[in-house]
């Protein structure tokens, strides 16, 4: 996760980064359960979704709204929302009776890249792009 630019000092970015760390750890446990048979992969999937669903909702209803209103990062936000839809579509629609684990593993790879893009691209750019009143709305919201 990002540690070099100081964007974690913004409370919302710090919270989202902490959530990313928990999501990455949960995704790792799911990957291990799928690939090594250590643990119940369906239970690990549920654990991941319990973290991922409120996290993406928080991004889309908070930070992403402010970034769209500001305007300079709209394309990046749209792309990230499409990635949210893709990842949730795979993980949330899994046929639990006959799971397609290779598809889940591919979605986990996309999730990791997605988080890296937010941590090292969008979050630092948001700190620069958004004026303080937007950060105040996000913090006091």
N, C-alpha and C. Protein backbone atom coordinates (compact mmCIF):
# COMPACT_ATOMS: atom_id res chain seq x y z
N UNK A 1 0.83 -1.18 0.00
CA UNK A 1 0.00 0.00 0.00
C UNK A 1 0.88 1.25 0.00
N UNK A 2 0.29 2.34 -0.38
CA UNK A 2 1.01 3.61 -0.51
C UNK A 2 1.45 4.13 0.86
N UNK A 3 2.71 4.48 0.97
CA UNK A 3 3.23 5.04 2.21
C UNK A 3 4.07 6.29 1.98
N UNK A 4 4.22 6.73 0.75
CA UNK A 4 5.23 7.73 0.46
C UNK A 4 4.70 9.14 0.23
N UNK A 5 3.46 9.33 -0.10
CA UNK A 5 3.01 10.65 -0.53
C UNK A 5 2.30 11.44 0.56
N UNK A 6 1.94 10.79 1.64
CA UNK A 6 1.25 11.49 2.71
C UNK A 6 -0.26 11.53 2.57
N UNK A 7 -0.80 10.89 1.54
CA UNK A 7 -2.25 10.96 1.35
C UNK A 7 -3.02 10.24 2.46
N UNK A 8 -2.36 9.34 3.16
CA UNK A 8 -3.02 8.66 4.29
C UNK A 8 -3.36 9.62 5.43
N UNK A 9 -2.75 10.79 5.42
CA UNK A 9 -3.04 11.78 6.45
C UNK A 9 -4.46 12.35 6.30
N UNK A 10 -5.03 12.21 5.11
CA UNK A 10 -6.42 12.59 4.91
C UNK A 10 -7.26 11.44 5.47
N UNK A 11 -8.14 11.71 6.43
CA UNK A 11 -8.82 10.62 7.14
C UNK A 11 -9.51 9.61 6.23
N UNK A 12 -10.21 10.07 5.20
CA UNK A 12 -10.90 9.12 4.33
C UNK A 12 -9.90 8.23 3.58
N UNK A 13 -8.83 8.80 3.08
CA UNK A 13 -7.82 8.00 2.37
C UNK A 13 -7.19 7.00 3.33
N UNK A 14 -6.90 7.42 4.55
CA UNK A 14 -6.37 6.50 5.55
C UNK A 14 -7.32 5.34 5.81
N UNK A 15 -8.60 5.65 5.92
CA UNK A 15 -9.61 4.60 6.14
C UNK A 15 -9.68 3.64 4.96
N UNK A 16 -9.74 4.20 3.74
CA UNK A 16 -9.82 3.35 2.54
C UNK A 16 -8.57 2.48 2.40
N UNK A 17 -7.42 3.02 2.74
CA UNK A 17 -6.17 2.25 2.67
C UNK A 17 -6.18 1.12 3.68
N UNK A 18 -6.63 1.40 4.88
CA UNK A 18 -6.75 0.35 5.90
C UNK A 18 -7.70 -0.74 5.42
N UNK A 19 -8.80 -0.34 4.81
CA UNK A 19 -9.74 -1.32 4.26
C UNK A 19 -9.09 -2.11 3.13
N UNK A 20 -8.30 -1.46 2.29
CA UNK A 20 -7.59 -2.17 1.22
C UNK A 20 -6.70 -3.27 1.81
N UNK A 21 -6.00 -2.94 2.86
CA UNK A 21 -5.13 -3.94 3.49
C UNK A 21 -5.92 -5.15 3.95
N UNK A 22 -7.07 -4.92 4.57
CA UNK A 22 -7.91 -6.03 5.02
C UNK A 22 -8.45 -6.82 3.83
N UNK A 23 -8.81 -6.13 2.75
CA UNK A 23 -9.32 -6.80 1.55
C UNK A 23 -8.24 -7.65 0.91
N UNK A 24 -7.03 -7.11 0.79
CA UNK A 24 -5.92 -7.87 0.21
C UNK A 24 -5.65 -9.13 1.05
N UNK A 25 -5.68 -9.00 2.36
CA UNK A 25 -5.46 -10.16 3.23
C UNK A 25 -6.56 -11.20 3.06
N UNK A 26 -7.81 -10.74 2.99
CA UNK A 26 -8.94 -11.66 2.79
C UNK A 26 -8.85 -12.34 1.42
N UNK A 27 -8.45 -11.58 0.40
CA UNK A 27 -8.29 -12.16 -0.94
C UNK A 27 -7.18 -13.21 -0.92
N UNK A 28 -6.11 -12.95 -0.17
CA UNK A 28 -5.03 -13.94 -0.05
C UNK A 28 -5.51 -15.22 0.62
N UNK A 29 -6.34 -15.09 1.65
CA UNK A 29 -6.89 -16.27 2.31
C UNK A 29 -7.80 -17.06 1.36
N UNK A 30 -8.58 -16.33 0.56
CA UNK A 30 -9.43 -17.00 -0.43
C UNK A 30 -8.57 -17.71 -1.46
N UNK A 31 -7.55 -17.05 -1.97
CA UNK A 31 -6.67 -17.67 -2.95
C UNK A 31 -6.05 -18.95 -2.38
N UNK A 32 -5.58 -18.88 -1.13
CA UNK A 32 -4.98 -20.05 -0.49
C UNK A 32 -6.00 -21.19 -0.35
N UNK A 33 -7.21 -20.84 0.04
CA UNK A 33 -8.25 -21.87 0.18
C UNK A 33 -8.56 -22.53 -1.15
N UNK A 34 -8.55 -21.75 -2.22
CA UNK A 34 -8.83 -22.30 -3.55
C UNK A 34 -7.68 -23.17 -4.03
N UNK A 35 -6.47 -22.68 -3.90
CA UNK A 35 -5.33 -23.35 -4.53
C UNK A 35 -4.75 -24.48 -3.70
N UNK A 36 -4.89 -24.42 -2.38
CA UNK A 36 -4.26 -25.46 -1.56
C UNK A 36 -5.26 -26.33 -0.82
N UNK A 37 -6.53 -25.94 -0.87
CA UNK A 37 -7.54 -26.71 -0.15
C UNK A 37 -7.52 -26.46 1.35
N UNK A 38 -6.75 -25.46 1.78
CA UNK A 38 -6.68 -25.14 3.21
C UNK A 38 -7.82 -24.19 3.56
N UNK A 39 -8.88 -24.74 4.11
CA UNK A 39 -10.03 -23.93 4.46
C UNK A 39 -11.14 -24.03 3.43
N UNK A 40 -12.26 -23.48 3.78
CA UNK A 40 -13.45 -23.50 2.94
C UNK A 40 -13.45 -22.27 2.03
N UNK A 41 -13.26 -22.46 0.73
CA UNK A 41 -13.19 -21.29 -0.15
C UNK A 41 -14.49 -20.47 -0.18
N UNK A 42 -15.63 -21.12 -0.04
CA UNK A 42 -16.89 -20.37 -0.05
C UNK A 42 -16.97 -19.46 1.18
N UNK A 43 -16.55 -19.97 2.32
CA UNK A 43 -16.54 -19.14 3.53
C UNK A 43 -15.55 -17.99 3.38
N UNK A 44 -14.39 -18.25 2.77
CA UNK A 44 -13.40 -17.19 2.55
C UNK A 44 -13.94 -16.15 1.56
N UNK A 45 -14.70 -16.61 0.56
CA UNK A 45 -15.33 -15.69 -0.38
C UNK A 45 -16.32 -14.79 0.35
N UNK A 46 -17.12 -15.37 1.23
CA UNK A 46 -18.06 -14.57 2.01
C UNK A 46 -17.33 -13.55 2.87
N UNK A 47 -16.21 -13.95 3.46
CA UNK A 47 -15.41 -13.01 4.26
C UNK A 47 -14.94 -11.83 3.41
N UNK A 48 -14.46 -12.14 2.20
CA UNK A 48 -13.98 -11.09 1.31
C UNK A 48 -15.12 -10.16 0.91
N UNK A 49 -16.25 -10.72 0.52
CA UNK A 49 -17.38 -9.88 0.11
C UNK A 49 -17.88 -9.01 1.25
N UNK A 50 -17.81 -9.49 2.48
CA UNK A 50 -18.24 -8.70 3.64
C UNK A 50 -17.37 -7.45 3.81
N UNK A 51 -16.13 -7.52 3.37
CA UNK A 51 -15.24 -6.35 3.41
C UNK A 51 -15.37 -5.51 2.15
N UNK A 52 -15.45 -6.17 1.02
CA UNK A 52 -15.39 -5.49 -0.27
C UNK A 52 -16.65 -4.68 -0.57
N UNK A 53 -17.79 -5.23 -0.28
CA UNK A 53 -19.05 -4.57 -0.64
C UNK A 53 -19.20 -3.20 0.03
N UNK A 54 -19.06 -3.09 1.35
CA UNK A 54 -19.19 -1.75 1.94
C UNK A 54 -18.05 -0.81 1.53
N UNK A 55 -16.88 -1.37 1.27
CA UNK A 55 -15.75 -0.55 0.86
C UNK A 55 -16.01 0.13 -0.49
N UNK A 56 -16.41 -0.64 -1.48
CA UNK A 56 -16.65 -0.05 -2.80
C UNK A 56 -17.84 0.90 -2.76
N UNK A 57 -18.84 0.58 -1.95
CA UNK A 57 -19.98 1.48 -1.79
C UNK A 57 -19.52 2.82 -1.21
N UNK A 58 -18.65 2.77 -0.21
CA UNK A 58 -18.12 3.98 0.41
C UNK A 58 -17.32 4.80 -0.60
N UNK A 59 -16.50 4.14 -1.40
CA UNK A 59 -15.74 4.87 -2.42
C UNK A 59 -16.68 5.55 -3.41
N UNK A 60 -17.65 4.79 -3.91
CA UNK A 60 -18.51 5.30 -4.96
C UNK A 60 -19.47 6.38 -4.48
N UNK A 61 -19.89 6.32 -3.23
CA UNK A 61 -20.84 7.31 -2.70
C UNK A 61 -20.16 8.49 -2.02
N UNK A 62 -18.85 8.40 -1.85
CA UNK A 62 -18.12 9.47 -1.18
C UNK A 62 -17.07 10.08 -2.09
N UNK A 63 -15.87 9.51 -2.03
CA UNK A 63 -14.74 10.07 -2.77
C UNK A 63 -15.04 10.21 -4.26
N UNK A 64 -15.62 9.20 -4.86
CA UNK A 64 -15.85 9.24 -6.31
C UNK A 64 -16.86 10.32 -6.69
N UNK A 65 -17.84 10.59 -5.85
CA UNK A 65 -18.80 11.66 -6.12
C UNK A 65 -18.08 13.00 -6.16
N UNK A 66 -17.22 13.23 -5.18
CA UNK A 66 -16.48 14.50 -5.13
C UNK A 66 -15.53 14.62 -6.33
N UNK A 67 -14.88 13.50 -6.69
CA UNK A 67 -13.96 13.56 -7.83
C UNK A 67 -14.71 13.82 -9.14
N UNK A 68 -15.88 13.24 -9.29
CA UNK A 68 -16.66 13.52 -10.51
C UNK A 68 -17.08 14.99 -10.55
N UNK A 69 -17.47 15.51 -9.40
CA UNK A 69 -17.88 16.92 -9.35
C UNK A 69 -16.71 17.84 -9.69
N UNK A 70 -15.52 17.49 -9.25
CA UNK A 70 -14.32 18.29 -9.54
C UNK A 70 -13.97 18.19 -11.02
N UNK A 71 -14.11 17.01 -11.61
CA UNK A 71 -14.02 16.85 -13.05
C UNK A 71 -12.74 16.35 -13.68
N UNK A 72 -11.60 16.56 -13.07
CA UNK A 72 -10.35 16.22 -13.76
C UNK A 72 -10.04 14.72 -13.75
N UNK A 73 -10.67 13.96 -12.88
CA UNK A 73 -10.37 12.52 -12.77
C UNK A 73 -11.58 11.65 -13.12
N UNK A 74 -12.53 12.23 -13.83
CA UNK A 74 -13.78 11.52 -14.13
C UNK A 74 -13.54 10.22 -14.89
N UNK A 75 -12.67 10.24 -15.88
CA UNK A 75 -12.42 9.02 -16.66
C UNK A 75 -11.82 7.92 -15.77
N UNK A 76 -10.91 8.29 -14.91
CA UNK A 76 -10.31 7.30 -14.00
C UNK A 76 -11.36 6.74 -13.05
N UNK A 77 -12.22 7.60 -12.53
CA UNK A 77 -13.28 7.15 -11.62
C UNK A 77 -14.23 6.21 -12.36
N UNK A 78 -14.61 6.57 -13.57
CA UNK A 78 -15.50 5.70 -14.36
C UNK A 78 -14.87 4.33 -14.58
N UNK A 79 -13.60 4.31 -14.90
CA UNK A 79 -12.90 3.04 -15.11
C UNK A 79 -12.88 2.21 -13.82
N UNK A 80 -12.62 2.86 -12.70
CA UNK A 80 -12.58 2.14 -11.42
C UNK A 80 -13.96 1.61 -11.05
N UNK A 81 -15.01 2.37 -11.34
CA UNK A 81 -16.37 1.88 -11.08
C UNK A 81 -16.69 0.67 -11.96
N UNK A 82 -16.25 0.71 -13.21
CA UNK A 82 -16.44 -0.45 -14.09
C UNK A 82 -15.71 -1.67 -13.52
N UNK A 83 -14.52 -1.45 -12.98
CA UNK A 83 -13.78 -2.55 -12.36
C UNK A 83 -14.52 -3.07 -11.13
N UNK A 84 -15.08 -2.17 -10.33
CA UNK A 84 -15.89 -2.62 -9.19
C UNK A 84 -17.00 -3.54 -9.68
N UNK A 85 -17.72 -3.11 -10.72
CA UNK A 85 -18.82 -3.90 -11.26
C UNK A 85 -18.34 -5.27 -11.74
N UNK A 86 -17.21 -5.29 -12.42
CA UNK A 86 -16.65 -6.54 -12.92
C UNK A 86 -16.32 -7.48 -11.77
N UNK A 87 -15.58 -7.00 -10.81
CA UNK A 87 -15.12 -7.84 -9.71
C UNK A 87 -16.31 -8.34 -8.88
N UNK A 88 -17.23 -7.43 -8.56
CA UNK A 88 -18.42 -7.84 -7.81
C UNK A 88 -19.26 -8.81 -8.62
N UNK A 89 -19.31 -8.61 -9.93
CA UNK A 89 -20.07 -9.51 -10.79
C UNK A 89 -19.56 -10.93 -10.73
N UNK A 90 -18.25 -11.09 -10.73
CA UNK A 90 -17.66 -12.43 -10.66
C UNK A 90 -17.83 -13.02 -9.26
N UNK A 91 -17.43 -12.26 -8.26
CA UNK A 91 -17.43 -12.80 -6.90
C UNK A 91 -18.84 -12.96 -6.34
N UNK A 92 -19.71 -12.01 -6.64
CA UNK A 92 -21.05 -12.05 -6.08
C UNK A 92 -21.99 -13.01 -6.78
N UNK A 93 -21.70 -13.34 -8.02
CA UNK A 93 -22.59 -14.21 -8.80
C UNK A 93 -22.07 -15.64 -8.90
N UNK A 94 -21.08 -15.97 -8.09
CA UNK A 94 -20.49 -17.30 -8.16
C UNK A 94 -21.54 -18.38 -7.90
N UNK A 95 -21.56 -19.36 -8.76
CA UNK A 95 -22.43 -20.53 -8.55
C UNK A 95 -21.80 -21.37 -7.46
N UNK A 96 -22.35 -21.32 -6.29
CA UNK A 96 -21.76 -22.00 -5.14
C UNK A 96 -21.87 -23.52 -5.24
N UNK A 97 -22.78 -24.01 -6.07
CA UNK A 97 -22.89 -25.46 -6.25
C UNK A 97 -21.82 -25.98 -7.21
N UNK A 98 -21.41 -25.13 -8.15
CA UNK A 98 -20.39 -25.52 -9.12
C UNK A 98 -19.50 -24.31 -9.38
N UNK A 99 -18.69 -23.92 -8.39
CA UNK A 99 -17.91 -22.68 -8.52
C UNK A 99 -16.85 -22.76 -9.61
N UNK A 100 -16.70 -21.65 -10.31
CA UNK A 100 -15.65 -21.51 -11.33
C UNK A 100 -14.47 -20.83 -10.66
N UNK A 101 -13.65 -21.62 -9.96
CA UNK A 101 -12.55 -21.05 -9.20
C UNK A 101 -11.50 -20.36 -10.07
N UNK A 102 -11.20 -20.86 -11.27
CA UNK A 102 -10.26 -20.11 -12.10
C UNK A 102 -10.75 -18.69 -12.41
N UNK A 103 -12.05 -18.53 -12.62
CA UNK A 103 -12.60 -17.20 -12.87
C UNK A 103 -12.44 -16.33 -11.62
N UNK A 104 -12.65 -16.91 -10.44
CA UNK A 104 -12.47 -16.17 -9.19
C UNK A 104 -11.01 -15.76 -9.03
N UNK A 105 -10.09 -16.67 -9.31
CA UNK A 105 -8.66 -16.34 -9.20
C UNK A 105 -8.29 -15.20 -10.13
N UNK A 106 -8.84 -15.21 -11.34
CA UNK A 106 -8.57 -14.11 -12.28
C UNK A 106 -9.15 -12.79 -11.74
N UNK A 107 -10.33 -12.86 -11.13
CA UNK A 107 -10.93 -11.65 -10.55
C UNK A 107 -10.09 -11.14 -9.38
N UNK A 108 -9.50 -12.05 -8.61
CA UNK A 108 -8.63 -11.63 -7.51
C UNK A 108 -7.39 -10.92 -8.04
N UNK A 109 -6.86 -11.38 -9.17
CA UNK A 109 -5.73 -10.68 -9.80
C UNK A 109 -6.14 -9.27 -10.22
N UNK A 110 -7.34 -9.15 -10.80
CA UNK A 110 -7.83 -7.83 -11.21
C UNK A 110 -8.07 -6.95 -9.99
N UNK A 111 -8.55 -7.54 -8.90
CA UNK A 111 -8.77 -6.79 -7.67
C UNK A 111 -7.46 -6.22 -7.14
N UNK A 112 -6.42 -7.01 -7.17
CA UNK A 112 -5.11 -6.53 -6.69
C UNK A 112 -4.61 -5.36 -7.55
N UNK A 113 -4.72 -5.48 -8.86
CA UNK A 113 -4.32 -4.38 -9.75
C UNK A 113 -5.18 -3.15 -9.51
N UNK A 114 -6.46 -3.35 -9.29
CA UNK A 114 -7.38 -2.26 -9.02
C UNK A 114 -6.97 -1.51 -7.75
N UNK A 115 -6.68 -2.23 -6.70
CA UNK A 115 -6.26 -1.60 -5.45
C UNK A 115 -4.95 -0.85 -5.66
N UNK A 116 -4.01 -1.45 -6.37
CA UNK A 116 -2.75 -0.75 -6.66
C UNK A 116 -3.00 0.55 -7.40
N UNK A 117 -3.92 0.54 -8.37
CA UNK A 117 -4.24 1.75 -9.12
C UNK A 117 -4.82 2.83 -8.22
N UNK A 118 -5.68 2.44 -7.30
CA UNK A 118 -6.24 3.42 -6.38
C UNK A 118 -5.16 3.96 -5.44
N UNK A 119 -4.38 3.06 -4.87
CA UNK A 119 -3.37 3.45 -3.88
C UNK A 119 -2.27 4.33 -4.47
N UNK A 120 -1.81 3.99 -5.65
CA UNK A 120 -0.65 4.68 -6.22
C UNK A 120 -1.01 5.68 -7.31
N UNK A 121 -2.27 5.74 -7.68
CA UNK A 121 -2.70 6.66 -8.71
C UNK A 121 -3.80 7.58 -8.24
N UNK A 122 -4.97 7.00 -8.01
CA UNK A 122 -6.14 7.83 -7.71
C UNK A 122 -6.01 8.57 -6.39
N UNK A 123 -5.60 7.90 -5.33
CA UNK A 123 -5.58 8.57 -4.03
C UNK A 123 -4.61 9.75 -4.01
N UNK A 124 -3.37 9.58 -4.46
CA UNK A 124 -2.49 10.76 -4.50
C UNK A 124 -3.03 11.86 -5.41
N UNK A 125 -3.62 11.49 -6.54
CA UNK A 125 -4.18 12.49 -7.45
C UNK A 125 -5.37 13.20 -6.81
N UNK A 126 -6.17 12.47 -6.04
CA UNK A 126 -7.32 13.07 -5.36
C UNK A 126 -6.88 14.13 -4.36
N UNK A 127 -5.78 13.85 -3.66
CA UNK A 127 -5.28 14.82 -2.69
C UNK A 127 -4.93 16.13 -3.38
N UNK A 128 -4.39 16.03 -4.58
CA UNK A 128 -4.02 17.23 -5.33
C UNK A 128 -5.25 17.89 -5.96
N UNK A 129 -6.17 17.09 -6.48
CA UNK A 129 -7.28 17.63 -7.27
C UNK A 129 -8.39 18.25 -6.42
N UNK A 130 -8.69 17.63 -5.28
CA UNK A 130 -9.86 18.10 -4.53
C UNK A 130 -9.52 19.28 -3.63
N UNK A 131 -10.37 20.28 -3.64
CA UNK A 131 -10.17 21.41 -2.72
C UNK A 131 -10.55 21.00 -1.29
N UNK A 132 -10.08 21.77 -0.32
CA UNK A 132 -10.34 21.45 1.08
C UNK A 132 -11.83 21.35 1.42
N UNK A 133 -12.71 22.18 0.84
CA UNK A 133 -14.14 22.00 1.17
C UNK A 133 -14.66 20.60 0.82
N UNK A 134 -14.14 20.01 -0.26
CA UNK A 134 -14.55 18.65 -0.61
C UNK A 134 -14.07 17.67 0.45
N UNK A 135 -12.83 17.83 0.90
CA UNK A 135 -12.31 16.94 1.95
C UNK A 135 -13.10 17.12 3.24
N UNK A 136 -13.51 18.36 3.53
CA UNK A 136 -14.32 18.60 4.72
C UNK A 136 -15.66 17.90 4.61
N UNK A 137 -16.26 17.92 3.43
CA UNK A 137 -17.53 17.19 3.24
C UNK A 137 -17.33 15.70 3.43
N UNK A 138 -16.22 15.19 2.91
CA UNK A 138 -15.94 13.76 3.04
C UNK A 138 -15.66 13.36 4.48
N UNK A 139 -15.03 14.22 5.22
CA UNK A 139 -14.69 13.93 6.61
C UNK A 139 -15.89 14.13 7.54
N UNK A 140 -16.65 15.17 7.27
CA UNK A 140 -17.77 15.51 8.16
C UNK A 140 -19.08 14.92 7.67
N UNK A 141 -19.11 14.53 6.40
CA UNK A 141 -20.19 14.01 5.65
C UNK A 141 -21.45 13.71 6.18
